[in-house]
């Protein structure tokens, strides 16, 4: 038997294996898909909350305007974290902004809490975290963990503001957003921020 035949077979096997590996590498991982979905969602939330802040101020709820701006600042931090990991994975962050109808401030608060933050807290981010762990992406997992914690706090802040809307006039009011992770607070507790770094948003 010619020595060339085994060598040719081995070469063919190697080429096929490389082809399969290349195809696998070209397919986005589930975590990358989740990062893109999260980046798009956070980008939309950032834009939406800035518009909701303007609406709140038009209605005289300056303190709610401050709250929505603080939430927008947090979403900006989340989208930046997610974008950085997308880039590290060799892809380009993509977002399409579709602003929802701007309703009354009370409706904007309730819908932001019940349809936005609650979903991200209870469903979206827990699922993304599990997948990131499965895929071994610690960077993505960290972004998702930070975002989930912040969205849980946004839910509480929005619900409290909606329940006490009559007391949310005037303003502006200070809220505190962790520079890393975006955790948002009405009362400052630097210990909740990585490295104790935060920004004040009004």
N, C-alpha and C. Protein backbone atom coordinates (compact mmCIF):
# COMPACT_ATOMS: atom_id res chain seq x y z
N UNK A 1 0.84 -1.20 0.00
CA UNK A 1 0.00 0.00 0.00
C UNK A 1 0.88 1.25 0.00
N UNK A 2 0.56 2.17 -0.86
CA UNK A 2 1.35 3.38 -0.97
C UNK A 2 1.26 4.22 0.30
N UNK A 3 2.39 4.81 0.66
CA UNK A 3 2.41 5.69 1.82
C UNK A 3 1.62 6.96 1.58
N UNK A 4 1.42 7.27 0.26
CA UNK A 4 0.72 8.52 -0.06
C UNK A 4 -0.75 8.46 0.34
N UNK A 5 -1.36 7.27 0.25
CA UNK A 5 -2.80 7.15 0.55
C UNK A 5 -3.10 7.47 2.01
N UNK A 6 -2.39 6.89 2.98
CA UNK A 6 -2.65 7.27 4.38
C UNK A 6 -2.39 8.75 4.64
N UNK A 7 -1.34 9.29 3.98
CA UNK A 7 -1.04 10.71 4.17
C UNK A 7 -2.15 11.57 3.59
N UNK A 8 -2.64 11.17 2.43
CA UNK A 8 -3.72 11.92 1.79
C UNK A 8 -4.98 11.87 2.64
N UNK A 9 -5.25 10.68 3.20
CA UNK A 9 -6.44 10.53 4.04
C UNK A 9 -6.32 11.39 5.30
N UNK A 10 -5.11 11.40 5.88
CA UNK A 10 -4.89 12.21 7.08
C UNK A 10 -5.04 13.69 6.77
N UNK A 11 -4.51 14.09 5.61
CA UNK A 11 -4.61 15.49 5.19
C UNK A 11 -6.06 15.89 4.98
N UNK A 12 -6.82 14.99 4.35
CA UNK A 12 -8.23 15.26 4.09
C UNK A 12 -9.00 15.39 5.40
N UNK A 13 -8.68 14.51 6.34
CA UNK A 13 -9.34 14.57 7.66
C UNK A 13 -9.03 15.88 8.36
N UNK A 14 -7.76 16.32 8.23
CA UNK A 14 -7.36 17.57 8.86
C UNK A 14 -8.09 18.76 8.24
N UNK A 15 -8.19 18.75 6.93
CA UNK A 15 -8.89 19.84 6.22
C UNK A 15 -10.36 19.88 6.62
N UNK A 16 -10.98 18.71 6.70
CA UNK A 16 -12.39 18.65 7.09
C UNK A 16 -12.59 19.15 8.51
N UNK A 17 -11.68 18.74 9.40
CA UNK A 17 -11.78 19.17 10.80
C UNK A 17 -11.63 20.68 10.91
N UNK A 18 -10.69 21.24 10.14
CA UNK A 18 -10.48 22.69 10.16
C UNK A 18 -11.69 23.41 9.59
N UNK A 19 -12.30 22.83 8.58
CA UNK A 19 -13.49 23.43 7.98
C UNK A 19 -14.65 23.47 8.96
N UNK A 20 -14.83 22.36 9.69
CA UNK A 20 -15.89 22.29 10.70
C UNK A 20 -15.63 23.31 11.80
N UNK A 21 -14.37 23.40 12.24
CA UNK A 21 -14.01 24.35 13.29
C UNK A 21 -14.24 25.78 12.83
N UNK A 22 -13.90 26.06 11.57
CA UNK A 22 -14.09 27.42 11.05
C UNK A 22 -15.56 27.78 10.98
N UNK A 23 -16.38 26.81 10.57
CA UNK A 23 -17.83 27.07 10.51
C UNK A 23 -18.37 27.31 11.90
N UNK A 24 -17.91 26.55 12.87
CA UNK A 24 -18.37 26.71 14.25
C UNK A 24 -17.97 28.08 14.79
N UNK A 25 -16.73 28.48 14.45
CA UNK A 25 -16.25 29.77 14.94
C UNK A 25 -17.01 30.92 14.31
N UNK A 26 -17.47 30.72 13.06
CA UNK A 26 -18.18 31.79 12.37
C UNK A 26 -19.61 31.95 12.87
N UNK A 27 -20.12 30.94 13.56
CA UNK A 27 -21.47 31.01 14.09
C UNK A 27 -21.45 31.72 15.45
N UNK A 28 -22.28 32.76 15.62
CA UNK A 28 -22.28 33.45 16.91
C UNK A 28 -22.76 32.54 18.02
N UNK A 29 -22.09 32.62 19.17
CA UNK A 29 -22.51 31.82 20.32
C UNK A 29 -23.82 32.35 20.85
N UNK A 30 -24.48 31.55 21.67
CA UNK A 30 -25.73 32.00 22.27
C UNK A 30 -25.48 33.22 23.15
N UNK A 31 -24.36 33.24 23.84
CA UNK A 31 -24.05 34.38 24.69
C UNK A 31 -23.83 35.65 23.86
N UNK A 32 -23.20 35.53 22.71
CA UNK A 32 -23.03 36.69 21.85
C UNK A 32 -24.40 37.21 21.38
N UNK A 33 -25.27 36.29 21.01
CA UNK A 33 -26.62 36.69 20.61
C UNK A 33 -27.33 37.40 21.77
N UNK A 34 -27.15 36.87 22.95
CA UNK A 34 -27.78 37.48 24.13
C UNK A 34 -27.19 38.86 24.42
N UNK A 35 -25.89 38.99 24.25
CA UNK A 35 -25.25 40.30 24.43
C UNK A 35 -25.81 41.32 23.45
N UNK A 36 -25.99 40.91 22.22
CA UNK A 36 -26.55 41.82 21.21
C UNK A 36 -27.98 42.20 21.56
N UNK A 37 -28.76 41.23 22.02
CA UNK A 37 -30.14 41.51 22.41
C UNK A 37 -30.18 42.46 23.60
N UNK A 38 -29.30 42.22 24.56
CA UNK A 38 -29.24 43.08 25.74
C UNK A 38 -28.79 44.48 25.37
N UNK A 39 -27.79 44.58 24.50
CA UNK A 39 -27.29 45.88 24.06
C UNK A 39 -28.41 46.66 23.36
N UNK A 40 -29.16 45.99 22.52
CA UNK A 40 -30.27 46.65 21.83
C UNK A 40 -31.32 47.10 22.84
N UNK A 41 -31.64 46.23 23.80
CA UNK A 41 -32.64 46.58 24.81
C UNK A 41 -32.22 47.73 25.68
N UNK A 42 -30.96 47.72 26.12
CA UNK A 42 -30.47 48.80 26.98
C UNK A 42 -30.37 50.12 26.21
N UNK A 43 -30.02 50.03 24.93
CA UNK A 43 -29.95 51.24 24.10
C UNK A 43 -31.34 51.87 23.97
N UNK A 44 -32.34 51.04 23.78
CA UNK A 44 -33.71 51.54 23.67
C UNK A 44 -34.20 52.10 25.00
N UNK A 45 -33.84 51.41 26.10
CA UNK A 45 -34.26 51.89 27.42
C UNK A 45 -33.62 53.24 27.73
N UNK A 46 -32.36 53.40 27.37
CA UNK A 46 -31.65 54.67 27.59
C UNK A 46 -32.38 55.81 26.88
N UNK A 47 -32.68 55.61 25.60
CA UNK A 47 -33.36 56.65 24.83
C UNK A 47 -34.77 56.91 25.36
N UNK A 48 -35.47 55.83 25.71
CA UNK A 48 -36.84 55.94 26.21
C UNK A 48 -36.91 56.71 27.52
N UNK A 49 -36.02 56.41 28.43
CA UNK A 49 -36.07 57.05 29.74
C UNK A 49 -35.74 58.55 29.65
N UNK A 50 -34.89 58.92 28.72
CA UNK A 50 -34.62 60.35 28.54
C UNK A 50 -35.87 61.08 28.06
N UNK A 51 -36.64 60.44 27.19
CA UNK A 51 -37.89 61.04 26.73
C UNK A 51 -38.94 61.07 27.85
N UNK A 52 -38.97 60.01 28.65
CA UNK A 52 -39.91 59.97 29.78
C UNK A 52 -39.57 61.07 30.79
N UNK A 53 -38.28 61.37 30.95
CA UNK A 53 -37.86 62.44 31.86
C UNK A 53 -38.40 63.78 31.40
N UNK A 54 -38.33 64.03 30.10
CA UNK A 54 -38.86 65.29 29.55
C UNK A 54 -40.37 65.38 29.78
N UNK A 55 -41.07 64.27 29.58
CA UNK A 55 -42.52 64.25 29.78
C UNK A 55 -42.86 64.51 31.25
N UNK A 56 -42.11 63.91 32.15
CA UNK A 56 -42.36 64.11 33.58
C UNK A 56 -42.20 65.58 33.95
N UNK A 57 -41.20 66.23 33.41
CA UNK A 57 -40.98 67.63 33.72
C UNK A 57 -42.07 68.51 33.13
N UNK A 58 -42.57 68.14 31.96
CA UNK A 58 -43.69 68.89 31.37
C UNK A 58 -44.91 68.84 32.29
N UNK A 59 -45.09 67.71 32.97
CA UNK A 59 -46.24 67.54 33.86
C UNK A 59 -45.98 68.06 35.26
N UNK A 60 -44.79 68.58 35.49
CA UNK A 60 -44.46 69.13 36.80
C UNK A 60 -43.87 68.16 37.79
N UNK A 61 -43.53 66.94 37.30
CA UNK A 61 -42.95 65.93 38.19
C UNK A 61 -41.43 65.92 38.02
N UNK A 62 -40.81 66.98 38.54
CA UNK A 62 -39.36 67.11 38.38
C UNK A 62 -38.58 66.00 39.04
N UNK A 63 -39.08 65.50 40.15
CA UNK A 63 -38.38 64.41 40.85
C UNK A 63 -38.43 63.12 40.04
N UNK A 64 -39.53 62.91 39.32
CA UNK A 64 -39.62 61.74 38.44
C UNK A 64 -38.67 61.92 37.25
N UNK A 65 -38.57 63.16 36.76
CA UNK A 65 -37.61 63.43 35.68
C UNK A 65 -36.21 63.04 36.09
N UNK A 66 -35.84 63.37 37.32
CA UNK A 66 -34.51 63.00 37.84
C UNK A 66 -34.36 61.48 37.89
N UNK A 67 -35.41 60.80 38.33
CA UNK A 67 -35.37 59.34 38.42
C UNK A 67 -35.16 58.71 37.05
N UNK A 68 -35.91 59.20 36.06
CA UNK A 68 -35.76 58.63 34.72
C UNK A 68 -34.36 58.93 34.15
N UNK A 69 -33.81 60.09 34.44
CA UNK A 69 -32.45 60.38 33.96
C UNK A 69 -31.42 59.48 34.63
N UNK A 70 -31.63 59.19 35.91
CA UNK A 70 -30.73 58.27 36.62
C UNK A 70 -30.82 56.87 36.01
N UNK A 71 -32.04 56.43 35.72
CA UNK A 71 -32.21 55.11 35.09
C UNK A 71 -31.55 55.08 33.72
N UNK A 72 -31.69 56.19 32.97
CA UNK A 72 -31.05 56.27 31.65
C UNK A 72 -29.54 56.17 31.78
N UNK A 73 -28.97 56.83 32.80
CA UNK A 73 -27.53 56.76 33.01
C UNK A 73 -27.09 55.34 33.32
N UNK A 74 -27.91 54.62 34.10
CA UNK A 74 -27.60 53.22 34.41
C UNK A 74 -27.65 52.36 33.15
N UNK A 75 -28.66 52.58 32.31
CA UNK A 75 -28.78 51.79 31.08
C UNK A 75 -27.59 52.06 30.15
N UNK A 76 -27.11 53.30 30.17
CA UNK A 76 -25.92 53.62 29.37
C UNK A 76 -24.71 52.82 29.85
N UNK A 77 -24.58 52.68 31.16
CA UNK A 77 -23.48 51.89 31.72
C UNK A 77 -23.62 50.42 31.32
N UNK A 78 -24.85 49.91 31.35
CA UNK A 78 -25.08 48.51 30.97
C UNK A 78 -24.74 48.28 29.50
N UNK A 79 -25.22 49.19 28.65
CA UNK A 79 -24.99 48.99 27.20
C UNK A 79 -23.50 49.10 26.87
N UNK A 80 -22.78 49.95 27.60
CA UNK A 80 -21.34 50.07 27.37
C UNK A 80 -20.62 48.79 27.77
N UNK A 81 -21.00 48.22 28.91
CA UNK A 81 -20.41 46.96 29.37
C UNK A 81 -20.66 45.86 28.34
N UNK A 82 -21.90 45.75 27.89
CA UNK A 82 -22.26 44.70 26.93
C UNK A 82 -21.58 44.94 25.58
N UNK A 83 -21.48 46.19 25.16
CA UNK A 83 -20.81 46.50 23.89
C UNK A 83 -19.35 46.11 23.94
N UNK A 84 -18.70 46.35 25.06
CA UNK A 84 -17.28 46.01 25.18
C UNK A 84 -17.05 44.51 25.05
N UNK A 85 -17.95 43.71 25.63
CA UNK A 85 -17.79 42.25 25.53
C UNK A 85 -18.09 41.79 24.11
N UNK A 86 -19.08 42.39 23.47
CA UNK A 86 -19.38 42.07 22.06
C UNK A 86 -18.13 42.30 21.21
N UNK A 87 -17.47 43.43 21.42
CA UNK A 87 -16.26 43.75 20.66
C UNK A 87 -15.15 42.76 20.95
N UNK A 88 -15.01 42.36 22.23
CA UNK A 88 -13.98 41.38 22.60
C UNK A 88 -14.22 40.05 21.89
N UNK A 89 -15.50 39.77 21.59
CA UNK A 89 -15.84 38.51 20.91
C UNK A 89 -15.76 38.64 19.39
N UNK A 90 -15.25 39.79 18.93
CA UNK A 90 -15.00 39.98 17.50
C UNK A 90 -16.19 40.44 16.70
N UNK A 91 -17.22 40.93 17.37
CA UNK A 91 -18.42 41.39 16.66
C UNK A 91 -18.62 42.89 16.88
N UNK A 92 -19.61 43.43 16.20
CA UNK A 92 -19.93 44.86 16.31
C UNK A 92 -21.27 45.02 17.01
N UNK A 93 -21.34 45.82 18.08
CA UNK A 93 -22.62 46.03 18.76
C UNK A 93 -23.63 46.69 17.82
N UNK A 94 -24.85 46.19 17.84
CA UNK A 94 -25.88 46.71 16.95
C UNK A 94 -27.15 47.00 17.73
N UNK A 95 -27.73 48.17 17.46
CA UNK A 95 -28.99 48.54 18.12
C UNK A 95 -29.87 49.29 17.13
N UNK A 96 -31.16 49.06 17.26
CA UNK A 96 -32.14 49.80 16.48
C UNK A 96 -33.10 50.45 17.47
N UNK A 97 -33.10 51.77 17.49
CA UNK A 97 -33.93 52.50 18.46
C UNK A 97 -35.36 52.66 17.94
N UNK A 98 -36.30 52.15 18.71
CA UNK A 98 -37.73 52.29 18.40
C UNK A 98 -38.43 52.83 19.65
N UNK A 99 -38.61 54.13 19.70
CA UNK A 99 -39.23 54.73 20.88
C UNK A 99 -40.71 54.37 20.95
N UNK A 100 -41.20 54.01 22.14
CA UNK A 100 -42.62 53.72 22.31
C UNK A 100 -43.40 55.03 22.39
N UNK A 101 -44.74 54.97 22.34
CA UNK A 101 -45.52 56.19 22.53
C UNK A 101 -45.23 56.78 23.92
N UNK A 102 -45.10 58.09 23.98
CA UNK A 102 -44.87 58.75 25.25
C UNK A 102 -46.23 59.02 25.88
N UNK A 103 -46.51 58.38 26.99
CA UNK A 103 -47.81 58.49 27.66
C UNK A 103 -47.70 59.41 28.86
N UNK A 104 -48.68 59.34 29.75
CA UNK A 104 -48.60 60.14 30.97
C UNK A 104 -47.47 59.61 31.84
N UNK A 105 -46.98 60.44 32.73
CA UNK A 105 -45.88 60.02 33.61
C UNK A 105 -46.27 58.82 34.46
N UNK A 106 -47.51 58.82 34.95
CA UNK A 106 -47.96 57.67 35.74
C UNK A 106 -47.91 56.39 34.91
N UNK A 107 -48.40 56.46 33.66
CA UNK A 107 -48.37 55.29 32.79
C UNK A 107 -46.92 54.90 32.45
N UNK A 108 -46.09 55.90 32.19
CA UNK A 108 -44.70 55.61 31.85
C UNK A 108 -43.98 54.90 32.99
N UNK A 109 -44.27 55.31 34.22
CA UNK A 109 -43.67 54.65 35.39
C UNK A 109 -44.16 53.22 35.53
N UNK A 110 -45.46 53.03 35.45
CA UNK A 110 -46.05 51.69 35.64
C UNK A 110 -45.58 50.73 34.55
N UNK A 111 -45.60 51.18 33.31
CA UNK A 111 -45.20 50.30 32.21
C UNK A 111 -43.70 50.02 32.23
N UNK A 112 -42.92 51.02 32.63
CA UNK A 112 -41.48 50.80 32.73
C UNK A 112 -41.17 49.75 33.78
N UNK A 113 -41.91 49.80 34.89
CA UNK A 113 -41.69 48.82 35.96
C UNK A 113 -42.21 47.45 35.56
N UNK A 114 -43.46 47.38 35.17
CA UNK A 114 -44.14 46.09 34.98
C UNK A 114 -43.79 45.39 33.67
N UNK A 115 -43.54 46.15 32.61
CA UNK A 115 -43.27 45.54 31.31
C UNK A 115 -41.78 45.53 30.95
N UNK A 116 -41.02 46.43 31.56
CA UNK A 116 -39.61 46.51 31.23
C UNK A 116 -38.71 45.90 32.28
N UNK A 117 -38.65 46.56 33.41
CA UNK A 117 -37.70 46.14 34.45
C UNK A 117 -38.03 44.77 35.03
N UNK A 118 -39.30 44.49 35.24
CA UNK A 118 -39.69 43.20 35.81
C UNK A 118 -39.28 42.05 34.90
N UNK A 119 -39.47 42.23 33.59
CA UNK A 119 -39.09 41.20 32.62
C UNK A 119 -37.58 40.97 32.63
N UNK A 120 -36.83 42.06 32.65
CA UNK A 120 -35.37 41.92 32.65
C UNK A 120 -34.88 41.29 33.95
N UNK A 121 -35.49 41.67 35.06
CA UNK A 121 -35.10 41.15 36.37
C UNK A 121 -35.42 39.67 36.52
N UNK A 122 -36.62 39.28 36.09
CA UNK A 122 -37.13 37.92 36.39
C UNK A 122 -36.88 36.91 35.28
N UNK A 123 -36.79 37.38 34.04
CA UNK A 123 -36.75 36.45 32.91
C UNK A 123 -35.50 36.61 32.05
N UNK A 124 -35.32 37.78 31.47
CA UNK A 124 -34.26 37.96 30.48
C UNK A 124 -32.87 37.78 31.07
N UNK A 125 -32.52 38.58 32.06
CA UNK A 125 -31.16 38.51 32.56
C UNK A 125 -30.83 37.20 33.29
N UNK A 126 -31.76 36.62 34.08
CA UNK A 126 -31.43 35.31 34.65
C UNK A 126 -31.12 34.26 33.58
N UNK A 127 -31.87 34.28 32.48
CA UNK A 127 -31.62 33.34 31.38
C UNK A 127 -30.28 33.61 30.73
N UNK A 128 -29.96 34.89 30.51
CA UNK A 128 -28.68 35.26 29.90
C UNK A 128 -27.51 34.88 30.81
N UNK A 129 -27.70 35.04 32.11
CA UNK A 129 -26.64 34.69 33.07
C UNK A 129 -26.35 33.19 33.02
N UNK A 130 -27.42 32.39 33.01
CA UNK A 130 -27.24 30.92 32.94
C UNK A 130 -26.49 30.53 31.67
N UNK A 131 -26.83 31.15 30.55
CA UNK A 131 -26.18 30.81 29.28
C UNK A 131 -24.72 31.25 29.28
N UNK A 132 -24.45 32.42 29.85
CA UNK A 132 -23.06 32.90 29.90
C UNK A 132 -22.20 31.95 30.73
N UNK A 133 -22.76 31.45 31.83
CA UNK A 133 -22.03 30.47 32.65
C UNK A 133 -21.77 29.20 31.85
N UNK A 134 -22.78 28.77 31.12
CA UNK A 134 -22.65 27.55 30.30
C UNK A 134 -21.57 27.73 29.24
N UNK A 135 -21.52 28.94 28.65
CA UNK A 135 -20.55 29.22 27.60
C UNK A 135 -19.18 29.62 28.16
N UNK A 136 -19.10 29.78 29.49
CA UNK A 136 -17.83 30.14 30.10
C UNK A 136 -17.40 31.58 29.88
N UNK A 137 -18.37 32.46 29.65
CA UNK A 137 -18.05 33.87 29.43
C UNK A 137 -18.26 34.66 30.73
N UNK A 138 -17.20 34.80 31.49
CA UNK A 138 -17.29 35.50 32.77
C UNK A 138 -17.57 36.99 32.57
N UNK A 139 -17.02 37.57 31.51
CA UNK A 139 -17.23 38.99 31.25
C UNK A 139 -18.70 39.27 30.97
N UNK A 140 -19.32 38.43 30.13
CA UNK A 140 -20.74 38.60 29.83
C UNK A 140 -21.58 38.37 31.09
N UNK A 141 -21.22 37.34 31.84
CA UNK A 141 -21.95 37.04 33.07
C UNK A 141 -21.93 38.24 34.02
N UNK A 142 -20.78 38.89 34.14
CA UNK A 142 -20.66 40.04 35.03
C UNK A 142 -21.55 41.19 34.57
N UNK A 143 -21.53 41.48 33.27
CA UNK A 143 -22.40 42.54 32.73
C UNK A 143 -23.86 42.23 33.03
N UNK A 144 -24.26 40.99 32.81
CA UNK A 144 -25.65 40.60 33.01
C UNK A 144 -26.03 40.65 34.49
N UNK A 145 -25.13 40.23 35.36
CA UNK A 145 -25.40 40.27 36.81
C UNK A 145 -25.60 41.71 37.27
N UNK A 146 -24.71 42.59 36.84
CA UNK A 146 -24.84 44.00 37.21
C UNK A 146 -26.17 44.56 36.72
N UNK A 147 -26.51 44.27 35.48
CA UNK A 147 -27.74 44.81 34.91
C UNK A 147 -28.96 44.26 35.65
N UNK A 148 -28.96 42.97 35.95
CA UNK A 148 -30.11 42.39 36.65
C UNK A 148 -30.33 43.07 38.00
N UNK A 149 -29.26 43.29 38.74
CA UNK A 149 -29.38 43.94 40.05
C UNK A 149 -29.90 45.36 39.92
N UNK A 150 -29.43 46.07 38.91
CA UNK A 150 -29.88 47.45 38.71
C UNK A 150 -31.34 47.50 38.28
N UNK A 151 -31.74 46.58 37.40
CA UNK A 151 -33.13 46.58 36.93
C UNK A 151 -34.08 46.27 38.09
N UNK A 152 -33.66 45.41 39.00
CA UNK A 152 -34.49 45.10 40.17
C UNK A 152 -34.72 46.36 41.01
N UNK A 153 -33.69 47.18 41.14
CA UNK A 153 -33.83 48.41 41.91
C UNK A 153 -34.65 49.45 41.15
N UNK A 154 -34.49 49.50 39.83
CA UNK A 154 -35.31 50.40 39.02
C UNK A 154 -36.79 50.07 39.20
N UNK A 155 -37.11 48.78 39.21
CA UNK A 155 -38.49 48.35 39.40
C UNK A 155 -39.04 48.95 40.70
N UNK A 156 -38.29 48.82 41.77
CA UNK A 156 -38.75 49.33 43.08
C UNK A 156 -38.91 50.85 43.05
N UNK A 157 -37.95 51.54 42.45
CA UNK A 157 -38.00 53.00 42.40
C UNK A 157 -39.16 53.49 41.56
N UNK A 158 -39.41 52.85 40.42
CA UNK A 158 -40.53 53.25 39.56
C UNK A 158 -41.87 53.00 40.24
N UNK A 159 -42.00 51.84 40.87
CA UNK A 159 -43.26 51.52 41.56
C UNK A 159 -43.51 52.49 42.71
N UNK A 160 -42.48 52.82 43.46
CA UNK A 160 -42.62 53.75 44.58
C UNK A 160 -43.01 55.13 44.08
N UNK A 161 -42.41 55.56 42.98
CA UNK A 161 -42.72 56.87 42.42
C UNK A 161 -44.15 56.92 41.92
N UNK A 162 -44.60 55.86 41.27
CA UNK A 162 -45.98 55.81 40.76
C UNK A 162 -46.98 55.83 41.91
N UNK A 163 -46.66 55.13 42.99
CA UNK A 163 -47.57 55.04 44.13
C UNK A 163 -47.63 56.35 44.91
N UNK A 164 -46.60 57.17 44.78
CA UNK A 164 -46.53 58.43 45.54
C UNK A 164 -46.34 59.62 44.59
N UNK A 165 -47.03 59.58 43.47
CA UNK A 165 -46.81 60.57 42.42
C UNK A 165 -47.07 61.99 42.90
N UNK A 166 -48.03 62.15 43.77
CA UNK A 166 -48.34 63.48 44.28
C UNK A 166 -47.19 64.12 45.04
N UNK A 167 -46.27 63.29 45.50
CA UNK A 167 -45.12 63.80 46.26
C UNK A 167 -43.87 63.95 45.37
N UNK A 168 -44.02 63.70 44.07
CA UNK A 168 -42.88 63.71 43.16
C UNK A 168 -42.80 64.99 42.34
N UNK A 169 -43.53 66.03 42.76
CA UNK A 169 -43.46 67.31 42.07
C UNK A 169 -42.21 68.07 42.51
N UNK A 170 -41.99 69.20 41.86
CA UNK A 170 -40.80 69.97 42.21
C UNK A 170 -39.55 69.33 41.64
N UNK A 171 -38.51 69.39 42.41
CA UNK A 171 -37.26 68.78 41.95
C UNK A 171 -36.33 69.84 41.37
N UNK A 172 -35.19 69.44 40.86
CA UNK A 172 -34.75 68.06 40.70
C UNK A 172 -34.35 67.40 42.01
N UNK A 173 -34.14 66.10 41.93
CA UNK A 173 -33.74 65.32 43.10
C UNK A 173 -32.52 64.48 42.76
N UNK A 174 -31.66 64.28 43.72
CA UNK A 174 -30.43 63.52 43.48
C UNK A 174 -30.68 62.01 43.57
N UNK A 175 -30.17 61.30 42.56
CA UNK A 175 -30.08 59.84 42.59
C UNK A 175 -28.61 59.50 42.36
N UNK A 176 -28.22 58.30 42.77
CA UNK A 176 -26.82 57.91 42.70
C UNK A 176 -26.69 56.61 41.89
N UNK A 177 -25.79 56.66 40.92
CA UNK A 177 -25.61 55.53 40.01
C UNK A 177 -24.16 55.06 40.08
N UNK A 178 -23.96 53.78 40.36
CA UNK A 178 -22.60 53.22 40.41
C UNK A 178 -21.96 53.33 39.02
N UNK A 179 -20.75 53.85 38.98
CA UNK A 179 -20.08 54.02 37.69
C UNK A 179 -19.79 52.69 37.02
N UNK A 180 -19.61 51.66 37.83
CA UNK A 180 -19.40 50.32 37.30
C UNK A 180 -20.59 49.47 37.72
N UNK A 181 -21.37 49.02 36.77
CA UNK A 181 -22.52 48.17 37.08
C UNK A 181 -23.85 48.88 37.00
N UNK A 182 -23.88 50.20 37.24
CA UNK A 182 -25.10 50.96 37.07
C UNK A 182 -26.15 50.82 38.15
N UNK A 183 -25.79 50.23 39.30
CA UNK A 183 -26.77 50.12 40.39
C UNK A 183 -27.22 51.52 40.76
N UNK A 184 -28.54 51.70 40.97
CA UNK A 184 -29.13 53.02 41.15
C UNK A 184 -29.77 53.14 42.53
N UNK A 185 -29.48 54.25 43.20
CA UNK A 185 -29.96 54.44 44.57
C UNK A 185 -30.59 55.81 44.77
N UNK A 186 -31.65 55.84 45.59
CA UNK A 186 -32.22 57.11 46.01
C UNK A 186 -31.45 57.66 47.20
N UNK A 187 -30.93 56.77 48.03
CA UNK A 187 -30.09 57.14 49.17
C UNK A 187 -28.71 56.55 48.95
N UNK A 188 -27.72 57.40 49.04
CA UNK A 188 -26.36 56.98 48.72
C UNK A 188 -25.81 55.96 49.71
N UNK A 189 -25.28 54.86 49.14
CA UNK A 189 -24.54 53.87 49.91
C UNK A 189 -23.36 53.44 49.04
N UNK A 190 -22.22 54.13 49.15
CA UNK A 190 -21.07 53.84 48.29
C UNK A 190 -20.61 52.38 48.34
N UNK A 191 -20.91 51.69 49.46
CA UNK A 191 -20.48 50.30 49.60
C UNK A 191 -21.12 49.39 48.56
N UNK A 192 -22.25 49.84 47.98
CA UNK A 192 -22.93 49.04 46.97
C UNK A 192 -22.31 49.18 45.59
N UNK A 193 -21.37 50.11 45.45
CA UNK A 193 -20.72 50.34 44.16
C UNK A 193 -19.34 49.70 44.13
N UNK A 194 -18.99 48.98 43.05
CA UNK A 194 -17.64 48.44 42.92
C UNK A 194 -16.61 49.57 43.04
N UNK A 195 -15.68 49.42 43.95
CA UNK A 195 -14.67 50.44 44.17
C UNK A 195 -15.20 51.70 44.82
N UNK A 196 -16.47 51.69 45.23
CA UNK A 196 -17.06 52.87 45.86
C UNK A 196 -17.27 54.04 44.92
N UNK A 197 -17.19 53.80 43.61
CA UNK A 197 -17.31 54.90 42.63
C UNK A 197 -18.75 55.04 42.15
N UNK A 198 -19.23 56.27 42.18
CA UNK A 198 -20.62 56.53 41.77
C UNK A 198 -20.70 57.92 41.17
N UNK A 199 -21.82 58.19 40.50
CA UNK A 199 -22.09 59.53 40.01
C UNK A 199 -23.45 59.99 40.51
N UNK A 200 -23.58 61.27 40.76
CA UNK A 200 -24.84 61.85 41.19
C UNK A 200 -25.59 62.35 39.97
N UNK A 201 -26.84 61.97 39.84
CA UNK A 201 -27.66 62.37 38.70
C UNK A 201 -28.88 63.10 39.21
N UNK A 202 -29.21 64.23 38.61
CA UNK A 202 -30.39 65.00 39.00
C UNK A 202 -31.33 65.18 37.83
